Amino acid sequence: MAVIKTIDLVGVSTESWRDAAHKALDEATKTLRNVEGFDVLESSAVVDDGVISEYHTQVRIRFRITR
């Protein structure tokens, strides 16, 4: 029987929402095994003087629990 666990992370980038999602995934795979995918939950940005200074992407990472 398989069990899938999830965690939510927010990746931050000065480049793009896509890069922010990649950073969240990269960080997750440093400590999690069996990552199977993720869902993008939300994208947002920080604006300074009318320009986007940070892109934030909230993701839900899915990974399989093994014995």
C-alpha atoms as a PDB file:
ATOM      1  CA  MET A   1       0.000   0.000   0.000  1.00  0.00           C
ATOM      2  CA  ALA A   2       1.359   3.418  -0.968  1.00  0.00           C
ATOM      3  CA  VAL A   3       1.102   6.658   0.966  1.00  0.00           C
ATOM      4  CA  ILE A   4       1.749  10.043  -0.592  1.00  0.00           C
ATOM      5  CA  LYS A   5       2.682  12.926   1.688  1.00  0.00           C
ATOM      6  CA  THR A   6       2.612  16.609   0.768  1.00  0.00           C
ATOM      7  CA  ILE A   7       4.343  19.732   1.984  1.00  0.00           C
ATOM      8  CA  ASP A   8       3.765  23.330   0.952  1.00  0.00           C
ATOM      9  CA  LEU A   9       6.709  25.578   0.107  1.00  0.00           C
ATOM     10  CA  VAL A  10       7.118  29.077  -1.309  1.00  0.00           C
ATOM     11  CA  GLY A  11       9.951  29.588  -3.770  1.00  0.00           C
ATOM     12  CA  VAL A  12      11.335  33.093  -4.207  1.00  0.00           C
ATOM     13  CA  SER A  13      13.091  34.464  -7.291  1.00  0.00           C
ATOM     14  CA  THR A  14      14.086  37.790  -8.780  1.00  0.00           C
ATOM     15  CA  GLU A  15      13.699  36.302 -12.280  1.00  0.00           C
ATOM     16  CA  SER A  16      10.235  34.720 -12.723  1.00  0.00           C
ATOM     17  CA  TRP A  17       7.435  32.665 -11.171  1.00  0.00           C
ATOM     18  CA  ARG A  18       8.788  29.614 -13.025  1.00  0.00           C
ATOM     19  CA  ASP A  19      12.234  30.120 -11.509  1.00  0.00           C
ATOM     20  CA  ALA A  20      10.637  30.486  -8.061  1.00  0.00           C
ATOM     21  CA  ALA A  21       8.857  27.132  -8.525  1.00  0.00           C
ATOM     22  CA  HIS A  22      12.148  25.510  -9.594  1.00  0.00           C
ATOM     23  CA  LYS A  23      13.872  26.896  -6.502  1.00  0.00           C
ATOM     24  CA  ALA A  24      11.180  25.421  -4.237  1.00  0.00           C
ATOM     25  CA  LEU A  25      11.559  22.039  -5.942  1.00  0.00           C
ATOM     26  CA  ASP A  26      15.361  22.183  -5.792  1.00  0.00           C
ATOM     27  CA  GLU A  27      15.239  22.885  -2.062  1.00  0.00           C
ATOM     28  CA  ALA A  28      12.711  20.101  -1.431  1.00  0.00           C
ATOM     29  CA  THR A  29      14.779  17.482  -3.239  1.00  0.00           C
ATOM     30  CA  LYS A  30      17.769  18.228  -0.996  1.00  0.00           C
ATOM     31  CA  THR A  31      16.029  16.498   1.915  1.00  0.00           C
ATOM     32  CA  LEU A  32      13.078  14.564   0.460  1.00  0.00           C
ATOM     33  CA  ARG A  33      13.269  11.266  -1.390  1.00  0.00           C
ATOM     34  CA  ASN A  34      10.730   9.966  -3.908  1.00  0.00           C
ATOM     35  CA  VAL A  35       9.380  13.349  -5.017  1.00  0.00           C
ATOM     36  CA  GLU A  36       6.707  12.576  -7.617  1.00  0.00           C
ATOM     37  CA  GLY A  37       5.411  16.005  -8.573  1.00  0.00           C
ATOM     38  CA  PHE A  38       3.967  19.266  -7.396  1.00  0.00           C
ATOM     39  CA  ASP A  39       1.007  21.572  -7.873  1.00  0.00           C
ATOM     40  CA  VAL A  40       1.266  25.337  -8.159  1.00  0.00           C
ATOM     41  CA  LEU A  41      -1.090  26.742  -5.544  1.00  0.00           C
ATOM     42  CA  GLU A  42      -0.488  30.459  -5.909  1.00  0.00           C
ATOM     43  CA  SER A  43       1.767  33.012  -7.566  1.00  0.00           C
ATOM     44  CA  SER A  44       2.379  36.469  -6.182  1.00  0.00           C
ATOM     45  CA  ALA A  45       4.946  39.228  -6.373  1.00  0.00           C
ATOM     46  CA  VAL A  46       6.556  41.997  -4.373  1.00  0.00           C
ATOM     47  CA  VAL A  47       6.508  45.377  -6.107  1.00  0.00           C
ATOM     48  CA  ASP A  48       8.996  48.182  -5.408  1.00  0.00           C
ATOM     49  CA  ASP A  49       8.588  51.541  -7.156  1.00  0.00           C
ATOM     50  CA  GLY A  50       6.181  50.031  -9.695  1.00  0.00           C
ATOM     51  CA  VAL A  51       8.524  47.178 -10.662  1.00  0.00           C
ATOM     52  CA  ILE A  52       8.401  43.523  -9.603  1.00  0.00           C
ATOM     53  CA  SER A  53      11.333  42.896  -7.274  1.00  0.00           C
ATOM     54  CA  GLU A  54      10.472  39.331  -6.186  1.00  0.00           C
ATOM     55  CA  TYR A  55       8.362  36.544  -7.624  1.00  0.00           C
ATOM     56  CA  HIS A  56       6.796  34.112  -5.140  1.00  0.00           C
ATOM     57  CA  THR A  57       5.362  30.727  -6.141  1.00  0.00           C
ATOM     58  CA  GLN A  58       3.617  28.538  -3.573  1.00  0.00           C
ATOM     59  CA  VAL A  59       3.810  24.853  -4.458  1.00  0.00           C
ATOM     60  CA  ARG A  60       2.536  21.630  -2.898  1.00  0.00           C
ATOM     61  CA  ILE A  61       5.242  18.969  -3.256  1.00  0.00           C
ATOM     62  CA  ARG A  62       4.099  15.302  -3.406  1.00  0.00           C
ATOM     63  CA  PHE A  63       6.398  12.492  -2.318  1.00  0.00           C
ATOM     64  CA  ARG A  64       5.903   8.783  -1.696  1.00  0.00           C
ATOM     65  CA  ILE A  65       6.498   7.376   1.789  1.00  0.00           C
ATOM     66  CA  THR A  66       8.561   4.184   1.730  1.00  0.00           C
ATOM     67  CA  ARG A  67       9.708   1.853   4.464  1.00  0.00           C
END
